[in-house]
C-alpha atoms as a PDB file:
ATOM      1  CA  MET A   1      57.981-192.310  50.471  1.00  0.00           C
ATOM      2  CA  GLN A   2      55.911-194.445  48.156  1.00  0.00           C
ATOM      3  CA  LEU A   3      52.664-193.079  46.754  1.00  0.00           C
ATOM      4  CA  SER A   4      50.119-193.540  44.014  1.00  0.00           C
ATOM      5  CA  VAL A   5      48.900-190.700  41.857  1.00  0.00           C
ATOM      6  CA  LYS A   6      45.589-190.736  40.013  1.00  0.00           C
ATOM      7  CA  ASN A   7      44.460-188.798  36.942  1.00  0.00           C
ATOM      8  CA  VAL A   8      47.888-188.347  35.351  1.00  0.00           C
ATOM      9  CA  GLU A   9      47.697-187.958  31.577  1.00  0.00           C
ATOM     10  CA  GLY A  10      49.347-191.013  30.061  1.00  0.00           C
ATOM     11  CA  ASN A  11      51.094-189.250  27.192  1.00  0.00           C
ATOM     12  CA  ILE A  12      52.516-186.589  29.529  1.00  0.00           C
ATOM     13  CA  PHE A  13      53.785-189.242  31.925  1.00  0.00           C
ATOM     14  CA  LYS A  14      55.418-191.168  29.076  1.00  0.00           C
ATOM     15  CA  GLU A  15      57.232-188.045  27.880  1.00  0.00           C
ATOM     16  CA  PHE A  16      58.258-187.193  31.441  1.00  0.00           C
ATOM     17  CA  LYS A  17      59.543-190.715  32.083  1.00  0.00           C
ATOM     18  CA  ALA A  18      61.473-190.737  28.793  1.00  0.00           C
ATOM     19  CA  GLU A  19      63.118-187.430  29.687  1.00  0.00           C
ATOM     20  CA  ALA A  20      64.032-188.764  33.128  1.00  0.00           C
ATOM     21  CA  VAL A  21      65.678-191.785  31.489  1.00  0.00           C
ATOM     22  CA  ARG A  22      67.604-189.523  29.072  1.00  0.00           C
ATOM     23  CA  GLU A  23      68.853-187.529  32.056  1.00  0.00           C
ATOM     24  CA  GLY A  24      69.798-190.721  33.901  1.00  0.00           C
ATOM     25  CA  LEU A  25      67.425-190.050  36.775  1.00  0.00           C
ATOM     26  CA  PRO A  26      64.826-192.256  38.420  1.00  0.00           C
ATOM     27  CA  VAL A  27      61.254-191.107  37.788  1.00  0.00           C
ATOM     28  CA  GLY A  28      60.722-190.437  41.508  1.00  0.00           C
ATOM     29  CA  LYS A  29      63.747-188.137  41.704  1.00  0.00           C
ATOM     30  CA  SER A  30      62.686-186.388  38.500  1.00  0.00           C
ATOM     31  CA  LEU A  31      59.186-185.878  39.851  1.00  0.00           C
ATOM     32  CA  THR A  32      60.589-184.459  43.081  1.00  0.00           C
ATOM     33  CA  LEU A  33      62.750-182.012  41.108  1.00  0.00           C
ATOM     34  CA  ALA A  34      59.785-180.995  38.932  1.00  0.00           C
ATOM     35  CA  MET A  35      57.579-180.360  41.976  1.00  0.00           C
ATOM     36  CA  LYS A  36      60.338-178.389  43.686  1.00  0.00           C
ATOM     37  CA  PHE A  37      60.898-176.295  40.556  1.00  0.00           C
ATOM     38  CA  TRP A  38      57.163-175.594  40.254  1.00  0.00           C
ATOM     39  CA  LEU A  39      56.865-174.542  43.901  1.00  0.00           C
ATOM     40  CA  GLU A  40      59.944-172.299  43.728  1.00  0.00           C
ATOM     41  CA  LYS A  41      58.687-170.681  40.518  1.00  0.00           C
ATOM     42  CA  LYS A  42      55.339-169.998  42.153  1.00  0.00           C
ATOM     43  CA  GLU A  43      57.059-168.532  45.207  1.00  0.00           C
ATOM     44  CA  ARG A  44      59.287-166.269  43.073  1.00  0.00           C
ATOM     45  CA  LYS A  45      56.282-165.083  41.058  1.00  0.00           C
ATOM     46  CA  ASN A  46      54.421-164.118  44.230  1.00  0.00           C
ATOM     47  CA  LYS A  47      57.437-162.148  45.476  1.00  0.00           C
ATOM     48  CA  MET A  48      58.089-160.296  42.236  1.00  0.00           C
ATOM     49  CA  SER A  49      58.691-156.590  42.543  1.00  0.00           C
ATOM     50  CA  ILE A  50      58.740-153.762  40.035  1.00  0.00           C
ATOM     51  CA  LEU A  51      62.518-153.816  40.548  1.00  0.00           C
ATOM     52  CA  ASP A  52      62.649-157.308  39.017  1.00  0.00           C
ATOM     53  CA  ILE A  53      61.600-155.982  35.606  1.00  0.00           C
ATOM     54  CA  LYS A  54      64.582-155.748  33.295  1.00  0.00           C
ATOM     55  CA  THR A  55      65.067-152.845  30.920  1.00  0.00           C
ATOM     56  CA  LYS A  56      65.177-153.408  27.190  1.00  0.00           C
ATOM     57  CA  ASN A  57      68.272-152.464  25.243  1.00  0.00           C
ATOM     58  CA  TRP A  58      66.679-150.760  22.244  1.00  0.00           C
ATOM     59  CA  THR A  59      68.633-150.011  19.114  1.00  0.00           C
ATOM     60  CA  LYS A  60      70.241-146.689  18.282  1.00  0.00           C
ATOM     61  CA  GLY A  61      67.695-144.240  16.946  1.00  0.00           C
ATOM     62  CA  SER A  62      64.940-145.272  19.343  1.00  0.00           C
ATOM     63  CA  GLU A  63      65.838-142.741  22.027  1.00  0.00           C
ATOM     64  CA  LYS A  64      62.663-140.705  21.432  1.00  0.00           C
ATOM     65  CA  THR A  65      60.237-143.614  21.111  1.00  0.00           C
ATOM     66  CA  SER A  66      58.392-142.643  24.290  1.00  0.00           C
ATOM     67  CA  GLU A  67      57.968-139.077  23.030  1.00  0.00           C
ATOM     68  CA  ASP A  68      56.756-140.358  19.650  1.00  0.00           C
ATOM     69  CA  ILE A  69      54.156-142.539  21.347  1.00  0.00           C
ATOM     70  CA  ASP A  70      52.990-139.621  23.505  1.00  0.00           C
ATOM     71  CA  LYS A  71      52.671-137.481  20.388  1.00  0.00           C
ATOM     72  CA  ILE A  72      50.501-140.103  18.688  1.00  0.00           C
ATOM     73  CA  LEU A  73      48.327-140.664  21.744  1.00  0.00           C
ATOM     74  CA  TYR A  74      47.915-137.166  23.105  1.00  0.00           C
ATOM     75  CA  GLU A  75      48.670-134.572  20.443  1.00  0.00           C
ATOM     76  CA  ASN A  76      46.461-135.892  17.662  1.00  0.00           C
ATOM     77  CA  GLY A  77      43.207-135.211  19.487  1.00  0.00           C
ATOM     78  CA  ASN A  78      42.811-138.840  20.555  1.00  0.00           C
ATOM     79  CA  SER A  79      42.147-138.118  24.205  1.00  0.00           C
ATOM     80  CA  HIS A  80      38.936-139.853  25.297  1.00  0.00           C
END
């Protein structure tokens, strides 16, 4: 498919084209991959669940951080 696109920022297109050349890809193929990536990212974001959130591996000694935060928030008379 051949198409024309208006209102593309020149400096962005130049950077994009240069990256496509470095990767050894035609600009059209690179643009197709970029659009596909964008659409898939948008789709994944819309389907995100609480189960997709990864836990943080905190360092040793931080086991009671949640309790410390609760103490600061609720036991020092800061309830509003």
